[in-house]
Amino acid sequence: MGSYNHPVPTITFFLILVSSLPDPGWGQTKLSFDSPTFRGSIHDNLSNKERQGSGFHPFIWKPYPESNLYRDDAVGMNLEHIFNGAAAQHEISMFTPRRDPCQLKNLDENRYEIYWPSEGSKWGMEARMVYDLSRSEQVDLVFECTPTEDLYPLGFAAMMWASYMNRALDRRIHFWGTEGSRTGWVAFGDGEGEEIEIGTVSHSKVPDLPYEEGAQTLNLIENPDKKFITPFYYGLLDGDHNLETTDDKLLYLVLFDQADSIRFAMWNFYKDESGLPNTHSPAWDWQYVIQNPKVDQSYMYRARVVVKPWEGEAQIWEEYRRWGEELGVELPKVRKGDPH
């Protein structure tokens, strides 16, 4: 876990190249799904251009069939930005992946892929995201990318995924990490009215990313006080979208297979009726950072999004342990005596 770089093994890279050949399964712009727990649609950039790019819309957890987890005017689990901290790429550091051409394919039952060819990418970044909804109450994600142009003078490539939540109980995300000198559960997104905590959270052992004067820094600058230790965050949703009911609290947990290359983010762009940031419609985002990216080298990470009834913080550690066991990798531990 001590390096940002997680290159794809040679045999996997070979398979990526083979799978990039023309395939009759491509050409869809929208695919509907009905998985064990979720139903809805997954879109490419063309089908979903009015809702901010590729991803899920709607995304329904079946026990609440009228409640879209993501905003009706937005999208979830969407590759939204690529950035590098350099002034020369300021103009392409926002929103290019959700405007670049991409292709959507149904791999098999409840597994879908979105593919961005390097030829249409303003960054020359070949990329693919696989969404697996085959298991109950979770979506498993695999992202692979290959830089084909040397556009990273500061030594890193960063990508960001956005999910615009429909009815969160509040805007905050929660993670196990540090807040100043304290270690434990940390909430990110505190505050009221216009004075709210927003931005990016990095791993506790990772140096801040560099940037040049004149670079696009909105998604880049890290919170100086709050850092995460274990690679997951969670928020709480209102299942039936009626805030007056109290027996429908849902866990929305995002787990990652690595820590040092991952960053969390929380934003709150949507306004309520009084014109203030709507605490029930935050953007719960994450980022993937490749240090010292090499042209034609492939990189990857895996993630899991869990949606199920909320049972308390012990549930988080159970999901985290299960995730590590299924991956067959050693995820970061917390201090002796802590819940994990």
C-alpha atoms as a PDB file:
ATOM      1  CA  MET A   1       0.000   0.000   0.000  1.00  0.00           C
ATOM      2  CA  GLY A   2       3.018   2.301  -0.055  1.00  0.00           C
ATOM      3  CA  SER A   3       2.778   3.470  -3.670  1.00  0.00           C
ATOM      4  CA  TYR A   4       0.254   5.285  -5.828  1.00  0.00           C
ATOM      5  CA  ASN A   5       1.057   3.147  -8.841  1.00  0.00           C
ATOM      6  CA  HIS A   6      -1.019   0.023  -9.374  1.00  0.00           C
ATOM      7  CA  PRO A   7      -0.185  -1.024 -12.941  1.00  0.00           C
ATOM      8  CA  VAL A   8      -2.231  -3.710 -14.634  1.00  0.00           C
ATOM      9  CA  PRO A   9      -0.316  -6.993 -15.087  1.00  0.00           C
ATOM     10  CA  THR A  10       1.022  -7.673 -18.587  1.00  0.00           C
ATOM     11  CA  ILE A  11      -1.511 -10.395 -19.359  1.00  0.00           C
ATOM     12  CA  THR A  12      -4.357  -8.093 -18.309  1.00  0.00           C
ATOM     13  CA  PHE A  13      -2.979  -5.330 -20.508  1.00  0.00           C
ATOM     14  CA  PHE A  14      -2.919  -7.788 -23.425  1.00  0.00           C
ATOM     15  CA  LEU A  15      -6.567  -8.629 -22.783  1.00  0.00           C
ATOM     16  CA  ILE A  16      -7.413  -4.926 -22.674  1.00  0.00           C
ATOM     17  CA  LEU A  17      -5.871  -4.433 -26.112  1.00  0.00           C
ATOM     18  CA  VAL A  18      -7.714  -7.426 -27.506  1.00  0.00           C
ATOM     19  CA  SER A  19     -11.027  -6.283 -26.029  1.00  0.00           C
ATOM     20  CA  SER A  20     -10.537  -2.846 -27.615  1.00  0.00           C
ATOM     21  CA  LEU A  21     -11.140  -4.313 -31.068  1.00  0.00           C
ATOM     22  CA  PRO A  22     -14.519  -3.579 -32.699  1.00  0.00           C
ATOM     23  CA  ASP A  23     -17.302  -5.581 -31.078  1.00  0.00           C
ATOM     24  CA  PRO A  24     -20.917  -5.941 -32.189  1.00  0.00           C
ATOM     25  CA  GLY A  25     -22.020  -5.357 -28.588  1.00  0.00           C
ATOM     26  CA  TRP A  26     -21.035  -1.691 -28.738  1.00  0.00           C
ATOM     27  CA  GLY A  27     -23.353   0.986 -30.064  1.00  0.00           C
ATOM     28  CA  GLN A  28     -25.909   1.240 -27.254  1.00  0.00           C
ATOM     29  CA  THR A  29     -26.440   4.642 -25.646  1.00  0.00           C
ATOM     30  CA  LYS A  30     -28.699   3.484 -22.825  1.00  0.00           C
ATOM     31  CA  LEU A  31     -29.188   0.085 -21.183  1.00  0.00           C
ATOM     32  CA  SER A  32     -31.841  -0.821 -18.631  1.00  0.00           C
ATOM     33  CA  PHE A  33     -31.083  -3.237 -15.809  1.00  0.00           C
ATOM     34  CA  ASP A  34     -33.051  -5.236 -13.260  1.00  0.00           C
ATOM     35  CA  SER A  35     -30.562  -6.773 -10.836  1.00  0.00           C
ATOM     36  CA  PRO A  36     -31.196  -8.642  -7.564  1.00  0.00           C
ATOM     37  CA  THR A  37     -31.463  -5.333  -5.650  1.00  0.00           C
ATOM     38  CA  PHE A  38     -31.429  -2.451  -8.138  1.00  0.00           C
ATOM     39  CA  ARG A  39     -33.274  -1.411 -11.266  1.00  0.00           C
ATOM     40  CA  GLY A  40     -32.790   1.549 -13.559  1.00  0.00           C
ATOM     41  CA  SER A  41     -30.670   2.561 -16.519  1.00  0.00           C
ATOM     42  CA  ILE A  42     -27.024   3.176 -17.329  1.00  0.00           C
ATOM     43  CA  HIS A  43     -26.194   5.793 -19.960  1.00  0.00           C
ATOM     44  CA  ASP A  44     -23.318   6.924 -22.111  1.00  0.00           C
ATOM     45  CA  ASN A  45     -22.523  10.625 -22.629  1.00  0.00           C
ATOM     46  CA  LEU A  46     -24.806  10.945 -25.655  1.00  0.00           C
ATOM     47  CA  SER A  47     -27.906   9.430 -24.043  1.00  0.00           C
ATOM     48  CA  ASN A  48     -27.389  11.314 -20.794  1.00  0.00           C
ATOM     49  CA  LYS A  49     -26.049  14.646 -22.071  1.00  0.00           C
ATOM     50  CA  GLU A  50     -28.821  16.560 -20.260  1.00  0.00           C
ATOM     51  CA  ARG A  51     -27.877  14.929 -16.936  1.00  0.00           C
ATOM     52  CA  GLN A  52     -24.139  15.530 -16.805  1.00  0.00           C
ATOM     53  CA  GLY A  53     -22.548  12.555 -18.483  1.00  0.00           C
ATOM     54  CA  SER A  54     -22.396   8.778 -18.360  1.00  0.00           C
ATOM     55  CA  GLY A  55     -23.546   6.739 -15.374  1.00  0.00           C
ATOM     56  CA  PHE A  56     -26.712   5.672 -13.565  1.00  0.00           C
ATOM     57  CA  HIS A  57     -30.073   7.386 -14.006  1.00  0.00           C
ATOM     58  CA  PRO A  58     -32.340   6.368 -12.462  1.00  0.00           C
ATOM     59  CA  PHE A  59     -30.834   4.098  -9.812  1.00  0.00           C
ATOM     60  CA  ILE A  60     -33.574   2.502  -7.730  1.00  0.00           C
ATOM     61  CA  TRP A  61     -33.107   0.372  -4.611  1.00  0.00           C
ATOM     62  CA  LYS A  62     -36.049  -2.013  -5.031  1.00  0.00           C
ATOM     63  CA  PRO A  63     -37.510  -1.863  -1.492  1.00  0.00           C
ATOM     64  CA  TYR A  64     -38.301   1.806  -2.266  1.00  0.00           C
ATOM     65  CA  PRO A  65     -39.391   1.549  -5.922  1.00  0.00           C
ATOM     66  CA  GLU A  66     -40.355   5.213  -6.295  1.00  0.00           C
ATOM     67  CA  SER A  67     -37.123   6.643  -4.873  1.00  0.00           C
ATOM     68  CA  ASN A  68     -34.167   7.365  -7.152  1.00  0.00           C
ATOM     69  CA  LEU A  69     -30.932   7.325  -5.112  1.00  0.00           C
ATOM     70  CA  TYR A  70     -29.426   9.967  -7.420  1.00  0.00           C
ATOM     71  CA  ARG A  71     -31.021  13.278  -8.338  1.00  0.00           C
ATOM     72  CA  ASP A  72     -33.524  13.157 -11.178  1.00  0.00           C
ATOM     73  CA  ASP A  73     -31.624  15.935 -12.960  1.00  0.00           C
ATOM     74  CA  ALA A  74     -28.193  14.358 -12.428  1.00  0.00           C
ATOM     75  CA  VAL A  75     -26.341  11.042 -12.476  1.00  0.00           C
ATOM     76  CA  GLY A  76     -24.402   8.635 -10.252  1.00  0.00           C
ATOM     77  CA  MET A  77     -20.986   6.904 -10.401  1.00  0.00           C
ATOM     78  CA  ASN A  78     -19.908   9.156 -13.268  1.00  0.00           C
ATOM     79  CA  LEU A  79     -16.305   9.739 -14.409  1.00  0.00           C
ATOM     80  CA  GLU A  80     -16.408  13.533 -14.444  1.00  0.00           C
ATOM     81  CA  HIS A  81     -12.914  15.082 -14.394  1.00  0.00           C
ATOM     82  CA  ILE A  82      -9.278  14.456 -15.261  1.00  0.00           C
ATOM     83  CA  PHE A  83      -6.710  16.952 -13.930  1.00  0.00           C
ATOM     84  CA  ASN A  84      -2.965  17.299 -13.436  1.00  0.00           C
ATOM     85  CA  GLY A  85      -2.226  20.526 -11.512  1.00  0.00           C
ATOM     86  CA  ALA A  86      -0.638  22.175 -14.565  1.00  0.00           C
ATOM     87  CA  ALA A  87      -1.637  25.597 -15.872  1.00  0.00           C
ATOM     88  CA  ALA A  88      -1.311  24.464 -19.495  1.00  0.00           C
ATOM     89  CA  GLN A  89      -4.206  22.018 -19.059  1.00  0.00           C
ATOM     90  CA  HIS A  90      -6.484  24.402 -17.129  1.00  0.00           C
ATOM     91  CA  GLU A  91      -9.167  24.360 -19.839  1.00  0.00           C
ATOM     92  CA  ILE A  92      -9.483  20.575 -20.015  1.00  0.00           C
ATOM     93  CA  SER A  93      -9.290  19.925 -16.269  1.00  0.00           C
ATOM     94  CA  MET A  94     -13.067  20.097 -15.780  1.00  0.00           C
ATOM     95  CA  PHE A  95     -15.759  17.822 -17.231  1.00  0.00           C
ATOM     96  CA  THR A  96     -13.902  16.426 -20.249  1.00  0.00           C
ATOM     97  CA  PRO A  97     -14.660  12.707 -19.583  1.00  0.00           C
ATOM     98  CA  ARG A  98     -18.388  13.405 -19.522  1.00  0.00           C
ATOM     99  CA  ARG A  99     -18.125  15.175 -22.903  1.00  0.00           C
ATOM    100  CA  ASP A 100     -15.606  12.935 -24.657  1.00  0.00           C
ATOM    101  CA  PRO A 101     -16.998  10.119 -26.828  1.00  0.00           C
ATOM    102  CA  CYS A 102     -17.577   6.880 -24.941  1.00  0.00           C
ATOM    103  CA  GLN A 103     -19.168   3.534 -25.690  1.00  0.00           C
ATOM    104  CA  LEU A 104     -21.585   1.468 -23.618  1.00  0.00           C
ATOM    105  CA  LYS A 105     -21.873  -2.310 -23.646  1.00  0.00           C
ATOM    106  CA  ASN A 106     -23.743  -5.067 -21.780  1.00  0.00           C
ATOM    107  CA  LEU A 107     -20.992  -7.590 -20.956  1.00  0.00           C
ATOM    108  CA  ASP A 108     -23.377 -10.216 -19.569  1.00  0.00           C
ATOM    109  CA  GLU A 109     -26.307 -10.351 -17.165  1.00  0.00           C
ATOM    110  CA  ASN A 110     -26.050  -7.362 -14.787  1.00  0.00           C
ATOM    111  CA  ARG A 111     -22.508  -6.387 -15.907  1.00  0.00           C
ATOM    112  CA  TYR A 112     -21.933  -3.271 -17.983  1.00  0.00           C
ATOM    113  CA  GLU A 113     -18.932  -1.438 -19.387  1.00  0.00           C
ATOM    114  CA  ILE A 114     -18.325   2.151 -20.435  1.00  0.00           C
ATOM    115  CA  TYR A 115     -15.256   2.610 -22.643  1.00  0.00           C
ATOM    116  CA  TRP A 116     -13.481   5.865 -23.547  1.00  0.00           C
ATOM    117  CA  PRO A 117     -11.136   5.411 -26.553  1.00  0.00           C
ATOM    118  CA  SER A 118      -7.942   7.432 -26.415  1.00  0.00           C
ATOM    119  CA  GLU A 119      -8.626   8.897 -29.870  1.00  0.00           C
ATOM    120  CA  GLY A 120     -11.605  10.884 -28.595  1.00  0.00           C
ATOM    121  CA  SER A 121     -10.139  11.839 -25.215  1.00  0.00           C
ATOM    122  CA  LYS A 122      -8.857  15.389 -24.794  1.00  0.00           C
ATOM    123  CA  TRP A 123      -6.266  13.861 -22.452  1.00  0.00           C
ATOM    124  CA  GLY A 124      -5.410  10.971 -24.772  1.00  0.00           C
ATOM    125  CA  MET A 125      -6.587   8.686 -21.950  1.00  0.00           C
ATOM    126  CA  GLU A 126      -7.942   5.272 -22.878  1.00  0.00           C
ATOM    127  CA  ALA A 127     -10.244   4.147 -20.068  1.00  0.00           C
ATOM    128  CA  ARG A 128     -12.920   1.652 -19.168  1.00  0.00           C
ATOM    129  CA  MET A 129     -15.255   1.265 -16.216  1.00  0.00           C
ATOM    130  CA  VAL A 130     -17.027  -2.023 -15.481  1.00  0.00           C
ATOM    131  CA  TYR A 131     -20.158  -1.943 -13.304  1.00  0.00           C
ATOM    132  CA  ASP A 132     -21.192  -5.311 -11.821  1.00  0.00           C
ATOM    133  CA  LEU A 133     -24.674  -5.394 -10.246  1.00  0.00           C
ATOM    134  CA  SER A 134     -24.936  -9.180 -10.071  1.00  0.00           C
ATOM    135  CA  ARG A 135     -24.770  -9.402  -6.269  1.00  0.00           C
ATOM    136  CA  SER A 136     -27.395  -8.199  -3.855  1.00  0.00           C
ATOM    137  CA  GLU A 137     -27.090  -4.745  -2.233  1.00  0.00           C
ATOM    138  CA  GLN A 138     -23.830  -3.777  -3.925  1.00  0.00           C
ATOM    139  CA  VAL A 139     -22.216  -2.572  -7.136  1.00  0.00           C
ATOM    140  CA  ASP A 140     -18.668  -3.740  -7.819  1.00  0.00           C
ATOM    141  CA  LEU A 141     -16.533  -1.432  -9.952  1.00  0.00           C
ATOM    142  CA  VAL A 142     -13.298  -1.966 -11.878  1.00  0.00           C
ATOM    143  CA  PHE A 143     -11.552   0.961 -13.545  1.00  0.00           C
ATOM    144  CA  GLU A 144      -8.598   0.613 -15.923  1.00  0.00           C
ATOM    145  CA  CYS A 145      -6.867   3.372 -17.861  1.00  0.00           C
ATOM    146  CA  THR A 146      -3.861   3.865 -20.130  1.00  0.00           C
ATOM    147  CA  PRO A 147      -2.299   7.297 -20.791  1.00  0.00           C
ATOM    148  CA  THR A 148      -1.287   7.581 -24.445  1.00  0.00           C
ATOM    149  CA  GLU A 149       0.098  11.142 -24.241  1.00  0.00           C
ATOM    150  CA  ASP A 150       2.633  12.681 -21.850  1.00  0.00           C
ATOM    151  CA  LEU A 151       0.544  15.477 -20.281  1.00  0.00           C
ATOM    152  CA  TYR A 152       1.660  15.224 -16.659  1.00  0.00           C
ATOM    153  CA  PRO A 153       4.559  17.629 -15.985  1.00  0.00           C
ATOM    154  CA  LEU A 154       3.930  17.656 -12.217  1.00  0.00           C
ATOM    155  CA  GLY A 155       4.132  13.874 -12.039  1.00  0.00           C
ATOM    156  CA  PHE A 156       0.535  12.839 -11.472  1.00  0.00           C
ATOM    157  CA  ALA A 157      -2.754  12.150 -13.241  1.00  0.00           C
ATOM    158  CA  ALA A 158      -5.955  12.463 -11.195  1.00  0.00           C
ATOM    159  CA  MET A 159      -9.493  11.401 -12.081  1.00  0.00           C
ATOM    160  CA  MET A 160     -12.746  12.136 -10.246  1.00  0.00           C
ATOM    161  CA  TRP A 161     -16.099  10.318 -10.042  1.00  0.00           C
ATOM    162  CA  ALA A 162     -19.283  12.144  -9.057  1.00  0.00           C
ATOM    163  CA  SER A 163     -22.585  10.948  -7.577  1.00  0.00           C
ATOM    164  CA  TYR A 164     -25.272  13.584  -7.024  1.00  0.00           C
ATOM    165  CA  MET A 165     -27.372  12.217  -4.179  1.00  0.00           C
ATOM    166  CA  ASN A 166     -31.139  12.676  -4.171  1.00  0.00           C
ATOM    167  CA  ARG A 167     -32.141  12.497  -0.518  1.00  0.00           C
ATOM    168  CA  ALA A 168     -29.295  12.217   1.976  1.00  0.00           C
ATOM    169  CA  LEU A 169     -30.197  12.563   5.643  1.00  0.00           C
ATOM    170  CA  ASP A 170     -27.444  15.190   5.714  1.00  0.00           C
ATOM    171  CA  ARG A 171     -24.546  16.132   3.475  1.00  0.00           C
ATOM    172  CA  ARG A 172     -21.749  14.643   5.577  1.00  0.00           C
ATOM    173  CA  ILE A 173     -19.606  11.653   4.719  1.00  0.00           C
ATOM    174  CA  HIS A 174     -17.932   9.643   7.495  1.00  0.00           C
ATOM    175  CA  PHE A 175     -14.607   7.789   7.553  1.00  0.00           C
ATOM    176  CA  TRP A 176     -12.020   6.385   9.930  1.00  0.00           C
ATOM    177  CA  GLY A 177      -9.151   8.823  10.030  1.00  0.00           C
ATOM    178  CA  THR A 178      -7.558  11.776  11.758  1.00  0.00           C
ATOM    179  CA  GLU A 179      -8.840  15.217  12.681  1.00  0.00           C
ATOM    180  CA  GLY A 180      -5.915  17.196  13.960  1.00  0.00           C
ATOM    181  CA  SER A 181      -4.323  15.035  16.649  1.00  0.00           C
ATOM    182  CA  ARG A 182      -7.423  12.883  17.160  1.00  0.00           C
ATOM    183  CA  THR A 183      -7.860   9.454  15.504  1.00  0.00           C
ATOM    184  CA  GLY A 184     -11.302   7.896  15.087  1.00  0.00           C
ATOM    185  CA  TRP A 185     -14.527   8.465  13.192  1.00  0.00           C
ATOM    186  CA  VAL A 186     -14.400  11.752  11.285  1.00  0.00           C
ATOM    187  CA  ALA A 187     -17.320  13.550   9.663  1.00  0.00           C
ATOM    188  CA  PHE A 188     -16.681  15.731   6.617  1.00  0.00           C
ATOM    189  CA  GLY A 189     -19.228  18.311   5.494  1.00  0.00           C
ATOM    190  CA  ASP A 190     -19.946  20.112   8.758  1.00  0.00           C
ATOM    191  CA  GLY A 191     -21.416  23.606   8.889  1.00  0.00           C
ATOM    192  CA  GLU A 192     -24.650  25.460   8.233  1.00  0.00           C
ATOM    193  CA  GLY A 193     -25.938  27.866   5.623  1.00  0.00           C
ATOM    194  CA  GLU A 194     -23.201  29.077   3.301  1.00  0.00           C
ATOM    195  CA  GLU A 195     -20.470  28.240   5.823  1.00  0.00           C
ATOM    196  CA  ILE A 196     -20.061  24.552   5.051  1.00  0.00           C
ATOM    197  CA  GLU A 197     -17.081  22.235   4.767  1.00  0.00           C
ATOM    198  CA  ILE A 198     -16.493  21.074   1.186  1.00  0.00           C
ATOM    199  CA  GLY A 199     -13.574  19.767  -0.836  1.00  0.00           C
ATOM    200  CA  THR A 200     -11.160  16.846  -0.915  1.00  0.00           C
ATOM    201  CA  VAL A 201      -9.835  14.459   1.741  1.00  0.00           C
ATOM    202  CA  SER A 202      -6.581  12.558   1.182  1.00  0.00           C
ATOM    203  CA  HIS A 203      -4.919   9.623   2.940  1.00  0.00           C
ATOM    204  CA  SER A 204      -3.094  10.453   6.176  1.00  0.00           C
ATOM    205  CA  LYS A 205       0.313   9.269   4.888  1.00  0.00           C
ATOM    206  CA  VAL A 206       0.177  10.910   1.445  1.00  0.00           C
ATOM    207  CA  PRO A 207       1.828  14.263   0.588  1.00  0.00           C
ATOM    208  CA  ASP A 208      -0.365  16.992  -0.865  1.00  0.00           C
ATOM    209  CA  LEU A 209      -0.481  17.150  -4.647  1.00  0.00           C
ATOM    210  CA  PRO A 210       1.513  19.966  -6.289  1.00  0.00           C
ATOM    211  CA  TYR A 211      -0.001  22.542  -8.618  1.00  0.00           C
ATOM    212  CA  GLU A 212       1.091  25.536 -10.669  1.00  0.00           C
ATOM    213  CA  GLU A 213      -0.203  29.079 -10.515  1.00  0.00           C
ATOM    214  CA  GLY A 214      -3.005  29.297 -13.045  1.00  0.00           C
ATOM    215  CA  ALA A 215      -3.991  25.629 -12.751  1.00  0.00           C
ATOM    216  CA  GLN A 216      -7.551  24.471 -12.121  1.00  0.00           C
ATOM    217  CA  THR A 217      -7.464  23.622  -8.397  1.00  0.00           C
ATOM    218  CA  LEU A 218     -11.135  23.149  -7.447  1.00  0.00           C
ATOM    219  CA  ASN A 219     -10.811  19.364  -7.115  1.00  0.00           C
ATOM    220  CA  LEU A 220      -7.153  19.313  -6.188  1.00  0.00           C
ATOM    221  CA  ILE A 221      -6.454  21.088  -2.882  1.00  0.00           C
ATOM    222  CA  GLU A 222      -6.734  18.778   0.140  1.00  0.00           C
ATOM    223  CA  ASN A 223      -8.391  19.553   3.455  1.00  0.00           C
ATOM    224  CA  PRO A 224      -5.474  20.396   5.789  1.00  0.00           C
ATOM    225  CA  ASP A 225      -7.009  19.019   8.983  1.00  0.00           C
ATOM    226  CA  LYS A 226      -9.046  15.916   8.126  1.00  0.00           C
ATOM    227  CA  LYS A 227      -7.416  12.802   6.609  1.00  0.00           C
ATOM    228  CA  PHE A 228      -8.576   9.220   6.164  1.00  0.00           C
ATOM    229  CA  ILE A 229      -6.772   6.028   7.248  1.00  0.00           C
ATOM    230  CA  THR A 230      -8.982   3.203   5.953  1.00  0.00           C
ATOM    231  CA  PRO A 231     -10.103   3.311   2.287  1.00  0.00           C
ATOM    232  CA  PHE A 232     -13.862   3.761   2.680  1.00  0.00           C
ATOM    233  CA  TYR A 233     -16.440   6.403   3.417  1.00  0.00           C
ATOM    234  CA  TYR A 234     -20.156   6.265   4.067  1.00  0.00           C
ATOM    235  CA  GLY A 235     -23.184   8.507   4.167  1.00  0.00           C
ATOM    236  CA  LEU A 236     -26.796   7.992   5.214  1.00  0.00           C
ATOM    237  CA  LEU A 237     -29.818   8.199   2.911  1.00  0.00           C
ATOM    238  CA  ASP A 238     -33.543   8.600   3.487  1.00  0.00           C
ATOM    239  CA  GLY A 239     -34.972   5.486   1.847  1.00  0.00           C
ATOM    240  CA  ASP A 240     -38.537   6.598   1.083  1.00  0.00           C
ATOM    241  CA  HIS A 241     -37.547  10.267   0.561  1.00  0.00           C
ATOM    242  CA  ASN A 242     -39.926  11.315   3.328  1.00  0.00           C
ATOM    243  CA  LEU A 243     -37.818  12.960   6.018  1.00  0.00           C
ATOM    244  CA  GLU A 244     -40.645  12.631   8.554  1.00  0.00           C
ATOM    245  CA  THR A 245     -40.309   8.827   8.646  1.00  0.00           C
ATOM    246  CA  THR A 246     -37.501   7.330  10.736  1.00  0.00           C
ATOM    247  CA  ASP A 247     -37.498   3.597   9.961  1.00  0.00           C
ATOM    248  CA  ASP A 248     -35.969   3.817   6.479  1.00  0.00           C
ATOM    249  CA  LYS A 249     -32.371   4.891   7.069  1.00  0.00           C
ATOM    250  CA  LEU A 250     -30.037   3.505   4.360  1.00  0.00           C
ATOM    251  CA  LEU A 251     -26.289   3.008   4.400  1.00  0.00           C
ATOM    252  CA  TYR A 252     -24.408   4.227   1.312  1.00  0.00           C
ATOM    253  CA  LEU A 253     -20.866   2.871   1.668  1.00  0.00           C
ATOM    254  CA  VAL A 254     -18.008   3.186  -0.839  1.00  0.00           C
ATOM    255  CA  LEU A 255     -14.995   0.863  -0.394  1.00  0.00           C
ATOM    256  CA  PHE A 256     -11.691   0.834  -2.289  1.00  0.00           C
ATOM    257  CA  ASP A 257      -8.961  -1.773  -2.783  1.00  0.00           C
ATOM    258  CA  GLN A 258      -6.137   0.720  -2.138  1.00  0.00           C
ATOM    259  CA  ALA A 259      -5.643   3.793   0.028  1.00  0.00           C
ATOM    260  CA  ASP A 260      -2.730   5.948  -1.084  1.00  0.00           C
ATOM    261  CA  SER A 261      -4.086   6.487  -4.611  1.00  0.00           C
ATOM    262  CA  ILE A 262      -7.645   7.329  -3.468  1.00  0.00           C
ATOM    263  CA  ARG A 263      -9.126  10.645  -2.316  1.00  0.00           C
ATOM    264  CA  PHE A 264     -12.647  11.401  -1.067  1.00  0.00           C
ATOM    265  CA  ALA A 265     -14.634  14.532  -1.901  1.00  0.00           C
ATOM    266  CA  MET A 266     -17.873  16.148  -0.756  1.00  0.00           C
ATOM    267  CA  TRP A 267     -19.544  19.041  -2.556  1.00  0.00           C
ATOM    268  CA  ASN A 268     -22.925  20.740  -2.137  1.00  0.00           C
ATOM    269  CA  PHE A 269     -23.815  22.645  -5.315  1.00  0.00           C
ATOM    270  CA  TYR A 270     -27.605  22.307  -5.309  1.00  0.00           C
ATOM    271  CA  LYS A 271     -29.645  24.928  -3.449  1.00  0.00           C
ATOM    272  CA  ASP A 272     -32.744  24.548  -1.290  1.00  0.00           C
ATOM    273  CA  GLU A 273     -35.856  26.752  -1.398  1.00  0.00           C
ATOM    274  CA  SER A 274     -34.119  29.420   0.677  1.00  0.00           C
ATOM    275  CA  GLY A 275     -31.173  29.595  -1.710  1.00  0.00           C
ATOM    276  CA  LEU A 276     -28.731  27.845   0.640  1.00  0.00           C
ATOM    277  CA  PRO A 277     -26.793  24.631  -0.101  1.00  0.00           C
ATOM    278  CA  ASN A 278     -29.290  21.755   0.082  1.00  0.00           C
ATOM    279  CA  THR A 279     -27.963  19.440   2.777  1.00  0.00           C
ATOM    280  CA  HIS A 280     -30.046  16.599   1.311  1.00  0.00           C
ATOM    281  CA  SER A 281     -28.448  16.809  -2.179  1.00  0.00           C
ATOM    282  CA  PRO A 282     -24.679  16.596  -1.730  1.00  0.00           C
ATOM    283  CA  ALA A 283     -22.230  15.219  -4.275  1.00  0.00           C
ATOM    284  CA  TRP A 284     -20.435  12.241  -2.691  1.00  0.00           C
ATOM    285  CA  ASP A 285     -17.369  11.835  -4.895  1.00  0.00           C
ATOM    286  CA  TRP A 286     -14.023  10.083  -5.057  1.00  0.00           C
ATOM    287  CA  GLN A 287     -10.753  10.439  -6.934  1.00  0.00           C
ATOM    288  CA  TYR A 288      -8.045   8.124  -8.243  1.00  0.00           C
ATOM    289  CA  VAL A 289      -4.473   9.446  -8.493  1.00  0.00           C
ATOM    290  CA  ILE A 290      -1.672   7.878 -10.538  1.00  0.00           C
ATOM    291  CA  GLN A 291       1.793   9.012  -9.528  1.00  0.00           C
ATOM    292  CA  ASN A 292       4.426   9.248 -12.300  1.00  0.00           C
ATOM    293  CA  PRO A 293       2.125   8.012 -15.063  1.00  0.00           C
ATOM    294  CA  LYS A 294       3.907   6.399 -17.977  1.00  0.00           C
ATOM    295  CA  VAL A 295       2.689   6.468 -21.559  1.00  0.00           C
ATOM    296  CA  ASP A 296       1.184   3.125 -22.639  1.00  0.00           C
ATOM    297  CA  GLN A 297       1.293   1.740 -19.085  1.00  0.00           C
ATOM    298  CA  SER A 298      -2.098   0.628 -17.724  1.00  0.00           C
ATOM    299  CA  TYR A 299      -3.348   1.336 -14.191  1.00  0.00           C
ATOM    300  CA  MET A 300      -6.380   0.168 -12.247  1.00  0.00           C
ATOM    301  CA  TYR A 301      -8.354   0.200  -9.005  1.00  0.00           C
ATOM    302  CA  ARG A 302     -11.412  -1.627  -7.697  1.00  0.00           C
ATOM    303  CA  ALA A 303     -14.286  -0.238  -5.640  1.00  0.00           C
ATOM    304  CA  ARG A 304     -17.592  -1.359  -4.179  1.00  0.00           C
ATOM    305  CA  VAL A 305     -20.735   0.667  -3.452  1.00  0.00           C
ATOM    306  CA  VAL A 306     -22.968  -0.921  -0.795  1.00  0.00           C
ATOM    307  CA  VAL A 307     -26.604   0.107  -0.249  1.00  0.00           C
ATOM    308  CA  LYS A 308     -28.546  -1.573   2.556  1.00  0.00           C
ATOM    309  CA  PRO A 309     -30.470  -0.738   5.728  1.00  0.00           C
ATOM    310  CA  TRP A 310     -28.354   1.080   8.302  1.00  0.00           C
ATOM    311  CA  GLU A 311     -27.472  -0.994  11.369  1.00  0.00           C
ATOM    312  CA  GLY A 312     -24.726   1.070  12.988  1.00  0.00           C
ATOM    313  CA  GLU A 313     -20.964   1.529  12.752  1.00  0.00           C
ATOM    314  CA  ALA A 314     -20.188  -2.130  13.493  1.00  0.00           C
ATOM    315  CA  GLN A 315     -21.783  -2.841  10.117  1.00  0.00           C
ATOM    316  CA  ILE A 316     -19.090  -0.735   8.420  1.00  0.00           C
ATOM    317  CA  TRP A 317     -16.250  -2.818   9.832  1.00  0.00           C
ATOM    318  CA  GLU A 318     -18.024  -6.025   8.836  1.00  0.00           C
ATOM    319  CA  GLU A 319     -18.344  -4.820   5.233  1.00  0.00           C
ATOM    320  CA  TYR A 320     -14.707  -3.670   5.237  1.00  0.00           C
ATOM    321  CA  ARG A 321     -13.456  -7.059   6.466  1.00  0.00           C
ATOM    322  CA  ARG A 322     -15.580  -8.901   3.919  1.00  0.00           C
ATOM    323  CA  TRP A 323     -14.295  -6.661   1.133  1.00  0.00           C
ATOM    324  CA  GLY A 324     -10.662  -7.405   2.028  1.00  0.00           C
ATOM    325  CA  GLU A 325     -11.308 -11.140   2.280  1.00  0.00           C
ATOM    326  CA  GLU A 326     -13.029 -11.266  -1.101  1.00  0.00           C
ATOM    327  CA  LEU A 327     -10.237  -9.272  -2.740  1.00  0.00           C
ATOM    328  CA  GLY A 328      -7.549 -11.431  -1.154  1.00  0.00           C
ATOM    329  CA  VAL A 329      -5.506  -8.325  -0.288  1.00  0.00           C
ATOM    330  CA  GLU A 330      -4.397  -6.813   3.000  1.00  0.00           C
ATOM    331  CA  LEU A 331      -6.226  -3.543   3.505  1.00  0.00           C
ATOM    332  CA  PRO A 332      -4.942  -0.907   5.944  1.00  0.00           C
ATOM    333  CA  LYS A 333      -5.474  -1.697   9.604  1.00  0.00           C
ATOM    334  CA  VAL A 334      -6.289   0.768  12.349  1.00  0.00           C
ATOM    335  CA  ARG A 335      -4.570   1.078  15.725  1.00  0.00           C
ATOM    336  CA  LYS A 336      -4.579  -1.729  18.253  1.00  0.00           C
ATOM    337  CA  GLY A 337      -7.759  -1.540  20.298  1.00  0.00           C
ATOM    338  CA  ASP A 338      -9.797   0.147  17.571  1.00  0.00           C
ATOM    339  CA  PRO A 339     -12.944  -1.606  16.218  1.00  0.00           C
ATOM    340  CA  HIS A 340     -11.222  -3.164  13.196  1.00  0.00           C
END
